[in-house]
N, C-alpha and C. Protein backbone atom coordinates (compact mmCIF):
# COMPACT_ATOMS: atom_id res chain seq x y z
N LEU A 1 -156.22 -106.72 -93.96
CA LEU A 1 -155.44 -107.47 -94.61
C LEU A 1 -154.37 -108.28 -93.46
N ALA A 2 -153.90 -107.32 -92.44
CA ALA A 2 -152.80 -107.93 -91.52
C ALA A 2 -153.64 -109.08 -90.52
N LEU A 3 -154.87 -108.87 -90.64
CA LEU A 3 -155.52 -109.90 -89.35
C LEU A 3 -155.61 -111.65 -90.46
N VAL A 4 -155.62 -111.10 -91.76
CA VAL A 4 -155.99 -112.37 -92.32
C VAL A 4 -154.58 -113.20 -92.34
N ASP A 5 -153.88 -112.59 -92.50
CA ASP A 5 -151.98 -113.11 -92.41
C ASP A 5 -151.89 -113.93 -90.92
N LYS A 6 -151.94 -113.14 -89.99
CA LYS A 6 -152.16 -113.86 -88.71
C LYS A 6 -153.09 -114.62 -88.67
N THR A 7 -154.39 -114.80 -89.15
CA THR A 7 -155.21 -115.85 -89.21
C THR A 7 -154.63 -116.85 -89.86
N TRP A 8 -153.83 -116.82 -90.94
CA TRP A 8 -153.28 -117.83 -91.45
C TRP A 8 -152.58 -118.37 -90.95
N GLU A 9 -151.60 -117.82 -90.34
CA GLU A 9 -150.49 -118.59 -89.19
C GLU A 9 -150.64 -119.22 -88.67
N MET A 10 -151.85 -118.76 -87.95
CA MET A 10 -152.51 -119.32 -86.71
C MET A 10 -153.20 -121.02 -86.75
N SER A 11 -153.40 -121.20 -88.06
CA SER A 11 -154.48 -122.19 -88.78
C SER A 11 -153.51 -123.14 -89.20
N ILE A 12 -152.06 -123.02 -89.39
CA ILE A 12 -151.44 -123.80 -89.85
C ILE A 12 -150.91 -125.10 -89.07
N GLN A 13 -151.33 -124.96 -87.44
CA GLN A 13 -151.01 -125.80 -86.92
C GLN A 13 -151.95 -126.78 -86.75
N PHE A 14 -153.38 -126.39 -87.41
CA PHE A 14 -154.03 -127.15 -87.66
C PHE A 14 -154.36 -128.20 -88.52
N ILE A 15 -153.72 -127.87 -89.74
CA ILE A 15 -153.10 -128.56 -90.91
C ILE A 15 -152.22 -129.95 -90.47
N ALA A 16 -150.97 -129.75 -89.56
CA ALA A 16 -150.76 -130.86 -88.81
C ALA A 16 -151.45 -131.54 -88.22
N LEU A 17 -152.14 -131.14 -87.34
CA LEU A 17 -152.97 -131.85 -86.41
C LEU A 17 -154.11 -132.94 -86.97
N PHE A 18 -154.47 -132.28 -87.86
CA PHE A 18 -155.67 -133.06 -88.97
C PHE A 18 -154.94 -134.18 -90.05
N GLN A 19 -154.07 -133.93 -90.32
CA GLN A 19 -153.11 -134.66 -91.25
C GLN A 19 -152.53 -135.97 -90.51
N ASN A 20 -153.07 -137.32 -90.97
CA ASN A 20 -152.96 -138.39 -90.62
C ASN A 20 -153.31 -139.09 -89.07
N ASP A 21 -154.73 -138.24 -89.21
CA ASP A 21 -155.29 -138.66 -87.65
C ASP A 21 -154.08 -138.34 -86.51
N LEU A 22 -153.41 -137.26 -86.23
CA LEU A 22 -152.85 -136.95 -85.61
C LEU A 22 -153.90 -136.92 -84.05
N TRP A 23 -154.25 -135.49 -84.17
CA TRP A 23 -155.42 -135.89 -83.03
C TRP A 23 -156.22 -136.78 -82.43
N PHE A 24 -156.42 -137.47 -83.13
CA PHE A 24 -157.24 -138.57 -83.31
C PHE A 24 -156.29 -139.52 -82.42
N ASN A 25 -154.72 -140.02 -83.10
CA ASN A 25 -153.98 -140.84 -81.74
C ASN A 25 -153.43 -140.33 -80.47
N ASN A 26 -153.42 -138.90 -80.56
CA ASN A 26 -153.23 -138.09 -79.68
C ASN A 26 -153.68 -138.46 -78.43
N SER A 27 -155.60 -138.10 -78.81
CA SER A 27 -156.52 -138.22 -77.60
C SER A 27 -156.62 -139.91 -77.30
N MET A 28 -156.42 -140.55 -78.52
CA MET A 28 -156.24 -141.89 -77.97
C MET A 28 -155.55 -142.43 -77.00
N GLN A 29 -154.37 -141.78 -77.11
CA GLN A 29 -152.90 -142.29 -75.88
C GLN A 29 -153.45 -141.60 -74.82
N ALA A 30 -153.55 -140.40 -74.73
CA ALA A 30 -154.28 -139.41 -73.72
C ALA A 30 -155.71 -140.06 -72.81
N ASN A 31 -156.51 -140.65 -73.51
CA ASN A 31 -157.52 -142.08 -72.97
C ASN A 31 -156.81 -142.88 -72.33
N ALA A 32 -156.08 -143.39 -73.17
CA ALA A 32 -155.86 -145.21 -72.46
C ALA A 32 -154.89 -144.67 -71.36
N MET A 33 -154.30 -144.03 -71.07
CA MET A 33 -153.53 -143.44 -69.85
C MET A 33 -154.32 -143.32 -68.73
N ALA A 34 -155.42 -142.52 -69.05
CA ALA A 34 -156.32 -142.04 -67.93
C ALA A 34 -156.88 -143.44 -67.39
N LEU A 35 -157.05 -144.79 -68.62
CA LEU A 35 -157.80 -145.59 -68.07
C LEU A 35 -157.10 -146.59 -67.12
N GLN A 36 -155.58 -146.11 -67.44
CA GLN A 36 -154.34 -147.24 -66.90
C GLN A 36 -154.08 -146.63 -65.48
N ILE A 37 -154.34 -145.34 -65.49
CA ILE A 37 -154.24 -144.78 -63.95
C ILE A 37 -155.87 -145.48 -63.26
N ARG A 38 -156.99 -145.41 -64.06
CA ARG A 38 -158.28 -146.12 -63.29
C ARG A 38 -157.97 -147.50 -62.98
N ASP A 39 -157.39 -147.90 -63.81
CA ASP A 39 -157.25 -149.32 -63.04
C ASP A 39 -156.43 -149.88 -62.23
N GLY A 40 -155.15 -149.04 -62.29
CA GLY A 40 -154.25 -149.24 -61.16
C GLY A 40 -155.10 -148.81 -59.88
N LEU A 41 -155.55 -147.12 -59.95
CA LEU A 41 -156.02 -147.00 -58.80
C LEU A 41 -157.28 -148.48 -57.93
N HIS A 42 -157.70 -148.72 -58.92
CA HIS A 42 -158.79 -150.27 -58.63
C HIS A 42 -158.07 -151.20 -58.54
N ASN A 43 -156.84 -151.45 -58.35
CA ASN A 43 -155.95 -152.67 -57.77
C ASN A 43 -155.51 -152.10 -56.94
N LEU A 44 -155.74 -151.08 -56.38
CA LEU A 44 -154.83 -150.20 -55.08
C LEU A 44 -155.76 -150.29 -53.86
N GLY A 45 -157.32 -150.28 -54.40
CA GLY A 45 -158.63 -150.41 -53.64
C GLY A 45 -159.03 -148.86 -53.71
N LEU A 46 -158.80 -148.11 -54.29
CA LEU A 46 -159.15 -146.51 -54.77
C LEU A 46 -160.03 -146.82 -55.77
N GLU A 47 -161.34 -146.42 -55.94
CA GLU A 47 -162.59 -146.40 -56.68
C GLU A 47 -162.41 -144.75 -57.35
N THR A 48 -162.43 -144.66 -58.88
CA THR A 48 -163.01 -143.17 -59.08
C THR A 48 -164.02 -142.58 -58.78
N LYS A 49 -164.36 -141.19 -58.77
CA LYS A 49 -165.66 -140.66 -58.57
C LYS A 49 -166.34 -140.82 -59.24
N TRP A 50 -165.99 -140.70 -60.96
CA TRP A 50 -167.26 -140.72 -61.60
C TRP A 50 -166.36 -141.76 -62.58
N PRO A 51 -166.99 -142.28 -63.85
CA PRO A 51 -166.63 -143.23 -64.95
C PRO A 51 -165.55 -142.54 -65.69
N VAL A 52 -164.41 -142.97 -66.03
CA VAL A 52 -163.38 -142.31 -66.50
C VAL A 52 -163.64 -142.35 -68.42
N GLU A 53 -164.08 -141.25 -68.77
CA GLU A 53 -164.86 -140.89 -70.32
C GLU A 53 -163.84 -140.41 -71.20
N SER A 54 -162.58 -139.65 -70.73
CA SER A 54 -161.90 -138.95 -71.22
C SER A 54 -160.13 -139.06 -70.66
N ASN A 55 -159.63 -137.73 -70.65
CA ASN A 55 -158.40 -138.25 -70.49
C ASN A 55 -158.36 -137.45 -68.44
N ALA A 56 -159.26 -137.39 -67.99
CA ALA A 56 -159.21 -137.07 -66.78
C ALA A 56 -159.75 -137.99 -65.77
N VAL A 57 -159.17 -137.89 -64.62
CA VAL A 57 -159.50 -138.87 -63.59
C VAL A 57 -159.68 -138.28 -62.25
N PHE A 58 -161.04 -138.82 -61.50
CA PHE A 58 -161.05 -137.77 -60.44
C PHE A 58 -161.41 -139.06 -59.59
N VAL A 59 -160.54 -138.99 -58.31
CA VAL A 59 -160.63 -139.76 -57.09
C VAL A 59 -160.23 -139.20 -56.16
N GLU A 60 -161.21 -139.54 -54.88
CA GLU A 60 -160.83 -139.15 -53.57
C GLU A 60 -159.81 -139.54 -53.06
N LEU A 61 -158.80 -138.92 -52.15
CA LEU A 61 -157.57 -139.21 -51.53
C LEU A 61 -157.42 -138.69 -50.18
N PRO A 62 -157.01 -139.52 -49.65
CA PRO A 62 -157.31 -138.92 -48.13
C PRO A 62 -155.88 -137.64 -48.14
N ALA A 63 -156.22 -136.79 -47.29
CA ALA A 63 -155.55 -135.53 -47.10
C ALA A 63 -153.89 -135.97 -46.84
N SER A 64 -153.45 -137.19 -46.04
CA SER A 64 -152.13 -137.45 -45.79
C SER A 64 -151.53 -137.81 -46.74
N LEU A 65 -152.15 -138.26 -47.83
CA LEU A 65 -151.52 -138.92 -48.94
C LEU A 65 -151.53 -137.48 -50.05
N LEU A 66 -152.57 -136.76 -50.16
CA LEU A 66 -152.48 -135.48 -50.59
C LEU A 66 -151.11 -134.42 -50.68
N SER A 67 -151.10 -134.55 -49.67
CA SER A 67 -149.80 -133.76 -48.70
C SER A 67 -148.44 -134.01 -49.37
N THR A 68 -148.22 -135.42 -49.42
CA THR A 68 -147.23 -135.93 -49.76
C THR A 68 -146.97 -135.69 -51.53
N LEU A 69 -148.02 -136.79 -51.90
CA LEU A 69 -148.32 -136.68 -53.75
C LEU A 69 -148.11 -135.35 -54.00
N SER A 70 -148.38 -133.98 -53.63
CA SER A 70 -148.25 -132.85 -54.48
C SER A 70 -147.07 -132.42 -54.44
N LYS A 71 -145.83 -133.11 -53.23
CA LYS A 71 -144.43 -132.98 -53.56
C LYS A 71 -143.85 -133.32 -54.86
N GLU A 72 -144.45 -134.45 -55.27
CA GLU A 72 -143.85 -135.26 -56.11
C GLU A 72 -144.57 -135.15 -57.59
N PHE A 73 -145.77 -135.16 -57.74
CA PHE A 73 -146.80 -134.60 -58.64
C PHE A 73 -148.02 -133.84 -59.07
N THR A 74 -148.12 -133.10 -60.41
CA THR A 74 -148.60 -131.61 -60.30
C THR A 74 -150.28 -132.64 -60.80
N PHE A 75 -151.18 -131.90 -59.63
CA PHE A 75 -152.80 -132.64 -60.27
C PHE A 75 -153.37 -131.35 -59.60
N TYR A 76 -154.49 -130.87 -59.71
CA TYR A 76 -155.84 -129.96 -59.56
C TYR A 76 -156.44 -130.77 -58.32
N THR A 77 -156.78 -130.03 -56.94
CA THR A 77 -157.61 -130.24 -55.69
C THR A 77 -158.90 -129.90 -56.44
N TRP A 78 -160.05 -130.88 -56.62
CA TRP A 78 -161.65 -129.81 -56.92
C TRP A 78 -161.70 -129.90 -55.65
N ASP A 79 -161.75 -130.40 -54.71
CA ASP A 79 -162.71 -130.04 -53.41
C ASP A 79 -161.68 -130.80 -52.48
N SER A 80 -161.19 -129.42 -51.84
CA SER A 80 -160.22 -130.09 -50.96
C SER A 80 -160.66 -130.44 -49.25
N ASN A 81 -162.23 -130.40 -49.01
CA ASN A 81 -162.79 -130.96 -47.98
C ASN A 81 -162.91 -132.60 -48.27
N THR A 82 -163.21 -133.09 -49.36
CA THR A 82 -163.46 -134.50 -49.51
C THR A 82 -161.68 -135.14 -50.08
N GLY A 83 -161.16 -134.42 -50.20
CA GLY A 83 -159.80 -134.96 -50.92
C GLY A 83 -160.22 -135.25 -52.63
N LEU A 84 -161.15 -134.86 -53.14
CA LEU A 84 -161.53 -135.01 -54.58
C LEU A 84 -160.52 -134.33 -55.24
N VAL A 85 -159.54 -134.82 -56.25
CA VAL A 85 -158.66 -134.58 -57.13
C VAL A 85 -158.66 -134.68 -58.45
N ARG A 86 -158.56 -133.89 -59.63
CA ARG A 86 -158.34 -134.41 -60.77
C ARG A 86 -157.26 -134.66 -61.51
N LEU A 87 -156.99 -135.43 -61.72
CA LEU A 87 -155.62 -136.37 -62.79
C LEU A 87 -155.71 -136.25 -63.81
N MET A 88 -154.71 -135.49 -64.70
CA MET A 88 -154.88 -135.46 -66.20
C MET A 88 -153.70 -136.15 -66.88
N THR A 89 -154.36 -136.72 -68.10
CA THR A 89 -153.09 -137.33 -68.84
C THR A 89 -153.01 -136.58 -70.15
N SER A 90 -152.21 -136.51 -71.33
CA SER A 90 -152.17 -136.01 -72.34
C SER A 90 -151.57 -137.28 -73.36
N PHE A 91 -150.95 -136.47 -74.98
CA PHE A 91 -150.76 -137.30 -75.66
C PHE A 91 -148.97 -137.69 -75.39
N ASP A 92 -148.59 -137.36 -74.56
CA ASP A 92 -147.23 -137.63 -74.24
C ASP A 92 -146.94 -138.17 -72.43
N THR A 93 -147.81 -138.29 -72.07
CA THR A 93 -147.84 -139.26 -70.82
C THR A 93 -147.68 -140.55 -71.15
N THR A 94 -146.84 -141.12 -70.29
CA THR A 94 -146.24 -142.34 -70.75
C THR A 94 -146.35 -143.68 -69.70
N GLU A 95 -146.30 -144.46 -69.48
CA GLU A 95 -146.67 -145.64 -68.74
C GLU A 95 -145.63 -145.81 -67.45
N LYS A 96 -144.45 -145.07 -67.88
CA LYS A 96 -143.63 -145.05 -66.80
C LYS A 96 -144.16 -144.27 -66.01
N GLU A 97 -144.39 -142.69 -66.54
CA GLU A 97 -144.84 -141.69 -65.13
C GLU A 97 -145.80 -142.38 -64.51
N ILE A 98 -147.25 -143.10 -65.31
CA ILE A 98 -148.75 -143.41 -64.45
C ILE A 98 -147.67 -144.65 -63.35
N ASP A 99 -147.06 -145.54 -63.95
CA ASP A 99 -146.43 -146.72 -62.98
C ASP A 99 -145.80 -145.75 -61.62
N ARG A 100 -145.04 -145.14 -61.88
CA ARG A 100 -144.38 -144.30 -60.98
C ARG A 100 -145.67 -143.65 -60.00
N LEU A 101 -146.87 -143.11 -60.49
CA LEU A 101 -147.21 -142.70 -59.82
C LEU A 101 -148.28 -143.59 -58.73
N LEU A 102 -149.08 -144.62 -59.25
CA LEU A 102 -149.16 -146.09 -58.74
C LEU A 102 -148.30 -146.37 -57.91
N LYS A 103 -147.32 -146.35 -57.89
CA LYS A 103 -146.07 -147.57 -56.98
C LYS A 103 -145.82 -145.92 -55.87
N PHE A 104 -145.86 -144.31 -55.87
CA PHE A 104 -145.85 -143.81 -54.90
C PHE A 104 -147.19 -144.44 -54.05
N ILE A 105 -148.15 -144.11 -54.65
CA ILE A 105 -149.56 -144.61 -54.01
C ILE A 105 -149.44 -145.78 -53.11
N GLN A 106 -149.06 -146.52 -53.84
CA GLN A 106 -149.14 -148.00 -53.11
C GLN A 106 -148.01 -148.13 -51.81
N ASP A 107 -147.03 -147.47 -52.07
CA ASP A 107 -145.75 -147.33 -50.66
C ASP A 107 -146.16 -146.43 -49.94
N TRP A 108 -147.02 -145.57 -50.12
CA TRP A 108 -147.79 -144.61 -48.95
C TRP A 108 -148.82 -145.42 -48.13
N LYS A 109 -149.47 -146.28 -49.32
CA LYS A 109 -150.77 -147.34 -48.42
C LYS A 109 -149.91 -148.29 -47.62
N LYS A 110 -148.57 -149.06 -48.04
CA LYS A 110 -147.89 -149.59 -47.14
C LYS A 110 -147.09 -148.90 -45.71
N HIS A 111 -146.88 -147.91 -46.00
CA HIS A 111 -146.30 -147.01 -44.78
C HIS A 111 -147.38 -147.26 -44.13
N LEU A 112 -148.81 -147.13 -44.53
CA LEU A 112 -149.70 -146.57 -43.92
C LEU A 112 -150.28 -147.89 -42.81
N THR A 113 -150.10 -148.59 -43.68
CA THR A 113 -150.46 -150.22 -43.39
C THR A 113 -149.39 -150.45 -41.86
N THR A 114 -148.63 -150.35 -42.16
CA THR A 114 -147.95 -150.21 -41.15
C THR A 114 -147.86 -149.76 -40.19
N SER A 115 -147.98 -148.36 -40.02
CA SER A 115 -148.26 -147.60 -39.35
C SER A 115 -149.47 -148.08 -38.34
N GLU A 116 -150.39 -148.18 -39.26
CA GLU A 116 -151.76 -148.92 -38.10
C GLU A 116 -151.56 -150.19 -37.61
N GLU A 117 -150.91 -151.00 -38.27
CA GLU A 117 -150.46 -152.18 -37.39
C GLU A 117 -149.24 -151.78 -36.42
N THR A 118 -148.65 -151.22 -36.54
CA THR A 118 -147.47 -150.74 -35.43
C THR A 118 -148.61 -150.19 -34.12
N GLU A 119 -149.44 -149.53 -34.57
CA GLU A 119 -150.36 -148.25 -33.73
C GLU A 119 -151.25 -149.65 -32.93
N THR A 120 -151.86 -150.36 -33.66
CA THR A 120 -152.59 -151.90 -33.02
C THR A 120 -151.73 -152.39 -32.29
N VAL A 121 -150.50 -152.76 -32.35
CA VAL A 121 -149.59 -154.03 -31.45
C VAL A 121 -149.44 -152.85 -30.35
N SER A 122 -149.13 -151.97 -30.70
CA SER A 122 -149.14 -150.56 -29.33
C SER A 122 -150.29 -150.62 -28.12
N LEU A 123 -151.46 -150.32 -29.00
CA LEU A 123 -152.27 -150.21 -27.99
C LEU A 123 -152.89 -151.84 -27.35
N GLN A 124 -152.78 -152.99 -27.99
CA GLN A 124 -152.78 -154.42 -27.85
C GLN A 124 -152.06 -154.14 -26.26
N LEU A 125 -150.71 -154.03 -26.78
CA LEU A 125 -149.66 -154.04 -25.62
C LEU A 125 -150.00 -152.94 -24.13
N LEU A 126 -150.43 -151.98 -24.58
CA LEU A 126 -151.12 -151.31 -23.54
C LEU A 126 -152.20 -152.27 -22.78
N LYS A 127 -152.76 -152.44 -23.58
CA LYS A 127 -154.36 -153.13 -22.87
C LYS A 127 -153.95 -154.54 -22.35
N GLY A 128 -152.71 -154.83 -22.31
CA GLY A 128 -152.23 -156.02 -21.81
C GLY A 128 -152.78 -157.68 -23.03
N GLU A 129 -152.86 -157.08 -23.55
CA GLU A 129 -153.78 -158.43 -24.59
C GLU A 129 -152.54 -159.01 -25.26
């Protein structure tokens, strides 16, 4: 009899979840944010490893980006050899959070480009070009 009571208490949360399509709206929000990440990464020249079909985004990122990114954001490194990471969204992921992630990557790329340009100029000066 005690098990029946506990089961009833645990099932109450599902009543709220299934009312007014809350579960559907939550999943649509999470999926929309994942698509926004995909589109933003694409605009930054990064392609997802697989099509985005849910709230998970898989993308290969350079090791130098991963080390700085991990200090600011939470994600799972799927394959450390290739830099493949899994970015997850949820019902409460906001556009502001996505924008912050994308801006972080964009700023990293700008810094990298500036560093590469400086290195190229330095090499040209050393070669006398």
